[in-house]
N, C-alpha and C. Protein backbone atom coordinates (compact mmCIF):
# COMPACT_ATOMS: atom_id res chain seq x y z
N UNK A 1 -20.59 0.41 -31.03
CA UNK A 1 -21.89 0.23 -31.64
C UNK A 1 -21.93 -1.16 -32.27
N UNK A 2 -23.08 -1.70 -32.32
CA UNK A 2 -23.26 -3.00 -32.93
C UNK A 2 -24.44 -2.91 -33.88
N UNK A 3 -24.22 -2.35 -35.05
CA UNK A 3 -25.30 -2.15 -35.99
C UNK A 3 -26.09 -0.90 -35.64
N UNK A 4 -26.94 -0.49 -36.54
CA UNK A 4 -27.81 0.66 -36.29
C UNK A 4 -29.06 0.12 -35.65
N UNK A 5 -29.22 0.35 -34.34
CA UNK A 5 -30.34 -0.25 -33.63
C UNK A 5 -30.78 0.63 -32.47
N UNK A 6 -31.76 0.16 -31.74
CA UNK A 6 -32.32 0.92 -30.63
C UNK A 6 -31.32 1.20 -29.52
N UNK A 7 -30.41 0.26 -29.26
CA UNK A 7 -29.42 0.47 -28.21
C UNK A 7 -28.54 1.68 -28.53
N UNK A 8 -28.06 1.76 -29.75
CA UNK A 8 -27.20 2.87 -30.14
C UNK A 8 -27.94 4.20 -30.18
N UNK A 9 -29.13 4.20 -30.74
CA UNK A 9 -29.93 5.43 -30.80
C UNK A 9 -30.28 5.88 -29.39
N UNK A 10 -30.69 4.94 -28.55
CA UNK A 10 -31.04 5.28 -27.16
C UNK A 10 -29.82 5.85 -26.43
N UNK A 11 -28.65 5.27 -26.68
CA UNK A 11 -27.43 5.76 -26.02
C UNK A 11 -27.12 7.19 -26.46
N UNK A 12 -27.24 7.47 -27.74
CA UNK A 12 -27.00 8.83 -28.23
C UNK A 12 -27.99 9.81 -27.59
N UNK A 13 -29.27 9.48 -27.63
CA UNK A 13 -30.28 10.38 -27.08
C UNK A 13 -30.15 10.53 -25.56
N UNK A 14 -29.77 9.46 -24.88
CA UNK A 14 -29.55 9.54 -23.43
C UNK A 14 -28.35 10.42 -23.11
N UNK A 15 -27.33 10.35 -23.92
CA UNK A 15 -26.16 11.21 -23.73
C UNK A 15 -26.58 12.67 -23.79
N UNK A 16 -27.41 13.00 -24.76
CA UNK A 16 -27.89 14.37 -24.89
C UNK A 16 -28.79 14.77 -23.72
N UNK A 17 -29.59 13.83 -23.23
CA UNK A 17 -30.49 14.12 -22.12
C UNK A 17 -29.75 14.23 -20.78
N UNK A 18 -28.82 13.31 -20.52
CA UNK A 18 -28.10 13.32 -19.24
C UNK A 18 -27.04 14.41 -19.15
N UNK A 19 -26.49 14.81 -20.31
CA UNK A 19 -25.41 15.80 -20.33
C UNK A 19 -25.75 16.94 -21.29
N UNK A 20 -26.85 17.66 -21.03
CA UNK A 20 -27.29 18.70 -21.98
C UNK A 20 -26.23 19.79 -22.17
N UNK A 21 -25.93 20.06 -23.44
CA UNK A 21 -25.00 21.13 -23.79
C UNK A 21 -23.54 20.80 -23.58
N UNK A 22 -23.21 19.63 -23.06
CA UNK A 22 -21.81 19.29 -22.79
C UNK A 22 -21.05 18.87 -24.04
N UNK A 23 -21.68 18.08 -24.88
CA UNK A 23 -21.00 17.55 -26.06
C UNK A 23 -21.46 18.25 -27.32
N UNK A 24 -20.49 18.60 -28.16
CA UNK A 24 -20.79 19.28 -29.42
C UNK A 24 -20.41 18.43 -30.63
N UNK A 25 -19.69 17.35 -30.37
CA UNK A 25 -19.20 16.49 -31.45
C UNK A 25 -19.25 15.04 -31.01
N UNK A 26 -19.55 14.15 -31.95
CA UNK A 26 -19.63 12.73 -31.65
C UNK A 26 -18.77 11.96 -32.64
N UNK A 27 -18.07 10.97 -32.11
CA UNK A 27 -17.32 10.03 -32.95
C UNK A 27 -17.89 8.65 -32.63
N UNK A 28 -18.50 8.03 -33.60
CA UNK A 28 -19.11 6.72 -33.41
C UNK A 28 -18.08 5.65 -33.75
N UNK A 29 -17.95 4.67 -32.86
CA UNK A 29 -16.92 3.65 -32.97
C UNK A 29 -17.58 2.28 -33.03
N UNK A 30 -17.11 1.44 -33.94
CA UNK A 30 -17.62 0.08 -34.00
C UNK A 30 -16.55 -0.86 -34.53
N UNK A 31 -16.60 -2.09 -34.06
CA UNK A 31 -15.65 -3.12 -34.47
C UNK A 31 -16.38 -4.18 -35.29
N UNK A 32 -15.82 -4.52 -36.41
CA UNK A 32 -16.31 -5.66 -37.18
C UNK A 32 -15.56 -6.88 -36.66
N UNK A 33 -16.29 -7.78 -36.01
CA UNK A 33 -15.65 -8.95 -35.42
C UNK A 33 -15.63 -10.09 -36.43
N UNK A 34 -14.43 -10.55 -36.71
CA UNK A 34 -14.24 -11.66 -37.64
C UNK A 34 -14.17 -12.94 -36.83
N UNK A 35 -15.09 -13.85 -37.11
CA UNK A 35 -15.06 -15.14 -36.43
C UNK A 35 -15.06 -16.25 -37.47
N UNK A 36 -15.11 -17.48 -37.03
CA UNK A 36 -15.03 -18.60 -37.96
C UNK A 36 -16.18 -18.59 -38.96
N UNK A 37 -17.31 -18.01 -38.59
CA UNK A 37 -18.45 -17.94 -39.49
C UNK A 37 -18.28 -16.91 -40.59
N UNK A 38 -17.50 -15.86 -40.34
CA UNK A 38 -17.31 -14.82 -41.36
C UNK A 38 -15.96 -14.90 -42.03
N UNK A 39 -15.04 -15.70 -41.49
CA UNK A 39 -13.71 -15.78 -42.07
C UNK A 39 -13.68 -16.83 -43.17
N UNK A 40 -14.27 -16.46 -44.29
CA UNK A 40 -14.32 -17.37 -45.43
C UNK A 40 -13.53 -16.80 -46.60
N UNK A 41 -12.91 -15.68 -46.38
CA UNK A 41 -12.13 -15.07 -47.44
C UNK A 41 -12.12 -13.57 -47.30
N UNK A 42 -11.27 -12.96 -48.08
CA UNK A 42 -11.09 -11.51 -48.04
C UNK A 42 -12.37 -10.77 -48.39
N UNK A 43 -13.16 -11.32 -49.32
CA UNK A 43 -14.39 -10.65 -49.75
C UNK A 43 -15.40 -10.54 -48.62
N UNK A 44 -15.54 -11.61 -47.81
CA UNK A 44 -16.48 -11.59 -46.70
C UNK A 44 -16.06 -10.59 -45.62
N UNK A 45 -14.77 -10.51 -45.37
CA UNK A 45 -14.27 -9.55 -44.37
C UNK A 45 -14.51 -8.13 -44.86
N UNK A 46 -14.29 -7.90 -46.14
CA UNK A 46 -14.54 -6.57 -46.71
C UNK A 46 -16.03 -6.23 -46.65
N UNK A 47 -16.89 -7.20 -46.92
CA UNK A 47 -18.34 -6.97 -46.84
C UNK A 47 -18.75 -6.65 -45.40
N UNK A 48 -18.16 -7.33 -44.43
CA UNK A 48 -18.45 -7.06 -43.03
C UNK A 48 -18.01 -5.65 -42.66
N UNK A 49 -16.84 -5.24 -43.11
CA UNK A 49 -16.34 -3.89 -42.83
C UNK A 49 -17.26 -2.84 -43.45
N UNK A 50 -17.68 -3.07 -44.70
CA UNK A 50 -18.59 -2.13 -45.38
C UNK A 50 -19.92 -2.01 -44.65
N UNK A 51 -20.47 -3.14 -44.20
CA UNK A 51 -21.74 -3.13 -43.45
C UNK A 51 -21.59 -2.31 -42.17
N UNK A 52 -20.48 -2.48 -41.48
CA UNK A 52 -20.23 -1.72 -40.26
C UNK A 52 -20.15 -0.23 -40.57
N UNK A 53 -19.46 0.13 -41.63
CA UNK A 53 -19.36 1.54 -42.02
C UNK A 53 -20.72 2.11 -42.39
N UNK A 54 -21.54 1.33 -43.09
CA UNK A 54 -22.89 1.79 -43.46
C UNK A 54 -23.75 2.03 -42.22
N UNK A 55 -23.64 1.14 -41.24
CA UNK A 55 -24.40 1.33 -40.00
C UNK A 55 -23.94 2.59 -39.27
N UNK A 56 -22.63 2.80 -39.20
CA UNK A 56 -22.12 4.00 -38.53
C UNK A 56 -22.50 5.26 -39.28
N UNK A 57 -22.58 5.19 -40.60
CA UNK A 57 -23.00 6.36 -41.39
C UNK A 57 -24.40 6.81 -40.97
N UNK A 58 -25.26 5.86 -40.57
CA UNK A 58 -26.61 6.21 -40.12
C UNK A 58 -26.56 6.98 -38.80
N UNK A 59 -25.67 6.58 -37.91
CA UNK A 59 -25.51 7.33 -36.65
C UNK A 59 -24.96 8.72 -36.91
N UNK A 60 -23.99 8.80 -37.82
CA UNK A 60 -23.41 10.11 -38.17
C UNK A 60 -24.50 11.01 -38.73
N UNK A 61 -25.32 10.47 -39.62
CA UNK A 61 -26.41 11.25 -40.21
C UNK A 61 -27.41 11.69 -39.13
N UNK A 62 -27.72 10.81 -38.19
CA UNK A 62 -28.64 11.16 -37.10
C UNK A 62 -28.07 12.30 -36.27
N UNK A 63 -26.81 12.18 -35.86
CA UNK A 63 -26.19 13.22 -35.04
C UNK A 63 -26.11 14.55 -35.79
N UNK A 64 -25.73 14.49 -37.05
CA UNK A 64 -25.67 15.72 -37.85
C UNK A 64 -27.06 16.32 -38.02
N UNK A 65 -28.07 15.47 -38.19
CA UNK A 65 -29.44 15.95 -38.29
C UNK A 65 -29.91 16.64 -37.02
N UNK A 66 -29.30 16.28 -35.90
CA UNK A 66 -29.62 16.93 -34.62
C UNK A 66 -28.75 18.17 -34.39
N UNK A 67 -27.90 18.49 -35.37
CA UNK A 67 -27.09 19.70 -35.29
C UNK A 67 -25.70 19.54 -34.72
N UNK A 68 -25.18 18.31 -34.64
CA UNK A 68 -23.87 18.07 -34.07
C UNK A 68 -22.87 17.67 -35.15
N UNK A 69 -21.61 18.02 -34.93
CA UNK A 69 -20.54 17.49 -35.78
C UNK A 69 -20.40 16.01 -35.45
N UNK A 70 -20.15 15.20 -36.45
CA UNK A 70 -20.06 13.76 -36.21
C UNK A 70 -19.19 13.10 -37.26
N UNK A 71 -18.54 12.04 -36.85
CA UNK A 71 -17.74 11.20 -37.74
C UNK A 71 -17.75 9.79 -37.17
N UNK A 72 -17.12 8.88 -37.86
CA UNK A 72 -17.08 7.50 -37.38
C UNK A 72 -15.70 6.89 -37.59
N UNK A 73 -15.43 5.86 -36.78
CA UNK A 73 -14.18 5.12 -36.86
C UNK A 73 -14.53 3.65 -36.75
N UNK A 74 -13.99 2.86 -37.64
CA UNK A 74 -14.25 1.42 -37.60
C UNK A 74 -12.93 0.66 -37.56
N UNK A 75 -13.04 -0.57 -37.12
CA UNK A 75 -11.89 -1.45 -37.11
C UNK A 75 -12.36 -2.87 -37.30
N UNK A 76 -11.43 -3.72 -37.64
CA UNK A 76 -11.71 -5.14 -37.83
C UNK A 76 -10.83 -5.90 -36.85
N UNK A 77 -11.41 -6.86 -36.15
CA UNK A 77 -10.63 -7.65 -35.21
C UNK A 77 -11.27 -8.99 -34.96
N UNK A 78 -10.52 -9.85 -34.31
CA UNK A 78 -11.04 -11.18 -33.97
C UNK A 78 -11.58 -11.22 -32.55
N UNK A 79 -11.31 -10.18 -31.78
CA UNK A 79 -11.74 -10.15 -30.39
C UNK A 79 -12.21 -8.74 -30.09
N UNK A 80 -13.49 -8.59 -29.72
CA UNK A 80 -14.10 -7.27 -29.59
C UNK A 80 -13.47 -6.43 -28.49
N UNK A 81 -13.10 -7.03 -27.38
CA UNK A 81 -12.56 -6.28 -26.26
C UNK A 81 -11.27 -5.54 -26.64
N UNK A 82 -10.35 -6.25 -27.21
CA UNK A 82 -9.08 -5.64 -27.59
C UNK A 82 -9.26 -4.64 -28.73
N UNK A 83 -10.03 -5.00 -29.74
CA UNK A 83 -10.23 -4.11 -30.89
C UNK A 83 -10.95 -2.83 -30.48
N UNK A 84 -11.99 -2.95 -29.65
CA UNK A 84 -12.73 -1.76 -29.21
C UNK A 84 -11.86 -0.87 -28.33
N UNK A 85 -11.09 -1.47 -27.45
CA UNK A 85 -10.18 -0.70 -26.61
C UNK A 85 -9.18 0.07 -27.46
N UNK A 86 -8.64 -0.60 -28.47
CA UNK A 86 -7.68 0.07 -29.36
C UNK A 86 -8.31 1.23 -30.11
N UNK A 87 -9.52 1.04 -30.63
CA UNK A 87 -10.19 2.12 -31.35
C UNK A 87 -10.50 3.29 -30.43
N UNK A 88 -10.98 3.01 -29.24
CA UNK A 88 -11.30 4.09 -28.30
C UNK A 88 -10.03 4.83 -27.88
N UNK A 89 -8.94 4.11 -27.74
CA UNK A 89 -7.66 4.73 -27.41
C UNK A 89 -7.21 5.66 -28.54
N UNK A 90 -7.41 5.23 -29.79
CA UNK A 90 -7.07 6.07 -30.94
C UNK A 90 -7.92 7.35 -30.94
N UNK A 91 -9.21 7.21 -30.68
CA UNK A 91 -10.09 8.38 -30.65
C UNK A 91 -9.65 9.33 -29.55
N UNK A 92 -9.36 8.79 -28.37
CA UNK A 92 -8.92 9.63 -27.26
C UNK A 92 -7.58 10.30 -27.55
N UNK A 93 -6.73 9.65 -28.32
CA UNK A 93 -5.46 10.26 -28.72
C UNK A 93 -5.67 11.42 -29.67
N UNK A 94 -6.66 11.29 -30.53
CA UNK A 94 -6.97 12.34 -31.50
C UNK A 94 -7.76 13.48 -30.85
N UNK A 95 -8.62 13.13 -29.90
CA UNK A 95 -9.44 14.11 -29.16
C UNK A 95 -9.13 13.95 -27.67
N UNK A 96 -8.12 14.67 -27.17
CA UNK A 96 -7.67 14.47 -25.78
C UNK A 96 -8.74 14.68 -24.70
N UNK A 97 -9.79 15.43 -24.98
CA UNK A 97 -10.84 15.65 -23.97
C UNK A 97 -12.04 14.73 -24.19
N UNK A 98 -11.86 13.69 -24.98
CA UNK A 98 -12.95 12.77 -25.30
C UNK A 98 -13.41 11.99 -24.08
N UNK A 99 -14.69 11.73 -24.04
CA UNK A 99 -15.29 10.81 -23.08
C UNK A 99 -15.95 9.71 -23.90
N UNK A 100 -15.60 8.49 -23.63
CA UNK A 100 -16.20 7.36 -24.33
C UNK A 100 -17.54 7.08 -23.64
N UNK A 101 -18.59 6.94 -24.43
CA UNK A 101 -19.93 6.67 -23.89
C UNK A 101 -20.48 5.44 -24.58
N UNK A 102 -21.05 4.54 -23.81
CA UNK A 102 -21.71 3.37 -24.39
C UNK A 102 -22.97 3.07 -23.58
N UNK A 103 -23.80 2.22 -24.13
CA UNK A 103 -25.01 1.80 -23.43
C UNK A 103 -24.90 0.36 -22.97
N UNK A 104 -25.62 0.05 -21.91
CA UNK A 104 -25.65 -1.31 -21.37
C UNK A 104 -27.10 -1.67 -21.11
N UNK A 105 -27.55 -2.79 -21.69
CA UNK A 105 -28.90 -3.24 -21.41
C UNK A 105 -29.01 -3.65 -19.95
N UNK A 106 -30.06 -3.15 -19.30
CA UNK A 106 -30.31 -3.52 -17.90
C UNK A 106 -31.75 -4.01 -17.78
N UNK A 107 -31.93 -5.02 -16.94
CA UNK A 107 -33.22 -5.64 -16.74
C UNK A 107 -33.62 -5.48 -15.28
N UNK A 108 -34.90 -5.30 -15.02
CA UNK A 108 -35.37 -5.16 -13.63
C UNK A 108 -34.97 -6.39 -12.82
N UNK A 109 -35.22 -7.56 -13.33
CA UNK A 109 -34.84 -8.81 -12.67
C UNK A 109 -34.01 -9.61 -13.65
N UNK A 110 -32.71 -9.40 -13.58
CA UNK A 110 -31.82 -10.07 -14.54
C UNK A 110 -31.73 -11.56 -14.24
N UNK A 111 -31.82 -12.34 -15.31
CA UNK A 111 -31.68 -13.79 -15.19
C UNK A 111 -30.28 -14.18 -15.69
N UNK A 112 -29.85 -15.36 -15.34
CA UNK A 112 -28.49 -15.78 -15.68
C UNK A 112 -28.24 -15.76 -17.19
N UNK A 113 -29.24 -16.13 -17.99
CA UNK A 113 -29.04 -16.19 -19.43
C UNK A 113 -28.95 -14.79 -20.04
N UNK A 114 -29.60 -13.80 -19.40
CA UNK A 114 -29.50 -12.43 -19.91
C UNK A 114 -28.08 -11.90 -19.72
N UNK A 115 -27.45 -12.28 -18.64
CA UNK A 115 -26.06 -11.88 -18.42
C UNK A 115 -25.17 -12.51 -19.48
N UNK A 116 -25.45 -13.75 -19.87
CA UNK A 116 -24.67 -14.41 -20.91
C UNK A 116 -24.90 -13.74 -22.27
N UNK A 117 -26.17 -13.43 -22.56
CA UNK A 117 -26.50 -12.84 -23.86
C UNK A 117 -26.07 -11.38 -23.96
N UNK A 118 -26.19 -10.65 -22.88
CA UNK A 118 -25.86 -9.23 -22.85
C UNK A 118 -24.68 -9.08 -21.90
N UNK A 119 -23.53 -9.48 -22.39
CA UNK A 119 -22.38 -9.69 -21.53
C UNK A 119 -21.81 -8.43 -20.91
N UNK A 120 -20.73 -8.60 -20.26
CA UNK A 120 -20.09 -7.55 -19.49
C UNK A 120 -19.04 -6.78 -20.30
N UNK A 121 -19.10 -6.85 -21.63
CA UNK A 121 -18.09 -6.20 -22.46
C UNK A 121 -17.93 -4.71 -22.17
N UNK A 122 -19.01 -3.93 -22.05
CA UNK A 122 -18.81 -2.50 -21.75
C UNK A 122 -18.00 -2.27 -20.46
N UNK A 123 -18.29 -3.05 -19.42
CA UNK A 123 -17.56 -2.88 -18.17
C UNK A 123 -16.09 -3.26 -18.32
N UNK A 124 -15.83 -4.28 -19.12
CA UNK A 124 -14.44 -4.70 -19.33
C UNK A 124 -13.66 -3.66 -20.13
N UNK A 125 -14.31 -3.08 -21.13
CA UNK A 125 -13.66 -2.01 -21.91
C UNK A 125 -13.42 -0.81 -21.00
N UNK A 126 -14.43 -0.47 -20.19
CA UNK A 126 -14.29 0.65 -19.27
C UNK A 126 -13.10 0.46 -18.34
N UNK A 127 -12.94 -0.73 -17.82
CA UNK A 127 -11.83 -1.00 -16.90
C UNK A 127 -10.49 -0.79 -17.62
N UNK A 128 -10.36 -1.27 -18.83
CA UNK A 128 -9.11 -1.09 -19.59
C UNK A 128 -8.85 0.38 -19.89
N UNK A 129 -9.89 1.10 -20.32
CA UNK A 129 -9.71 2.50 -20.66
C UNK A 129 -9.39 3.34 -19.43
N UNK A 130 -10.04 3.05 -18.32
CA UNK A 130 -9.76 3.80 -17.10
C UNK A 130 -8.32 3.60 -16.66
N UNK A 131 -7.80 2.39 -16.82
CA UNK A 131 -6.41 2.14 -16.49
C UNK A 131 -5.49 3.02 -17.35
N UNK A 132 -5.91 3.28 -18.57
CA UNK A 132 -5.13 4.13 -19.48
C UNK A 132 -5.40 5.62 -19.26
N UNK A 133 -6.31 5.93 -18.33
CA UNK A 133 -6.63 7.33 -18.04
C UNK A 133 -7.65 7.92 -18.98
N UNK A 134 -8.41 7.08 -19.66
CA UNK A 134 -9.44 7.54 -20.61
C UNK A 134 -10.81 7.35 -19.96
N UNK A 135 -11.56 8.45 -19.78
CA UNK A 135 -12.86 8.31 -19.12
C UNK A 135 -13.89 7.63 -20.02
N UNK A 136 -14.69 6.78 -19.40
CA UNK A 136 -15.77 6.10 -20.12
C UNK A 136 -16.99 6.04 -19.22
N UNK A 137 -18.14 6.34 -19.80
CA UNK A 137 -19.41 6.31 -19.09
C UNK A 137 -20.29 5.23 -19.72
N UNK A 138 -20.90 4.42 -18.87
CA UNK A 138 -21.84 3.40 -19.34
C UNK A 138 -23.24 3.86 -18.93
N UNK A 139 -24.07 4.14 -19.92
CA UNK A 139 -25.43 4.60 -19.65
C UNK A 139 -26.39 3.40 -19.65
N UNK A 140 -27.34 3.38 -18.71
CA UNK A 140 -28.29 2.27 -18.68
C UNK A 140 -29.34 2.39 -19.78
N UNK A 141 -29.63 1.28 -20.38
CA UNK A 141 -30.72 1.19 -21.34
C UNK A 141 -31.68 0.15 -20.78
N UNK A 142 -32.78 0.62 -20.18
CA UNK A 142 -33.70 -0.28 -19.51
C UNK A 142 -34.51 -1.09 -20.51
N UNK A 143 -34.63 -2.38 -20.22
CA UNK A 143 -35.41 -3.29 -21.04
C UNK A 143 -36.57 -3.79 -20.19
N UNK A 144 -37.77 -3.56 -20.65
CA UNK A 144 -38.96 -3.99 -19.91
C UNK A 144 -39.47 -5.30 -20.51
N UNK A 145 -39.16 -6.40 -19.87
CA UNK A 145 -39.66 -7.71 -20.32
C UNK A 145 -40.24 -8.46 -19.17
């Protein structure tokens, strides 16, 4: 997840629509990425972690409001691919039948800059998790522009 936004909400609701009755519990995962802009001290990193936890709390509340058990897991890292893979691996270790689900923005006619802005991170995480034997589904989130 990357903040509490339409992509995450759409992914949750699409999961329920595409797989009705299959999932009874959700674990929301997000990485706080520390870069040169946020690495100004321990306080800024802690504020970034807190913001990520607050955003995930909104997803947990949404899922619980829909009648599902829910929790969240966060991590801090300098590189989203490795940190997200590690968090998903931890979740799968704790819940052996877990399926990782994420959303991917898709455009009817994708332009080169959209690929740069909405990168291939979900597919790269999926490839790493599949190598580890952890199933991951990427749901399309259509963008009409």
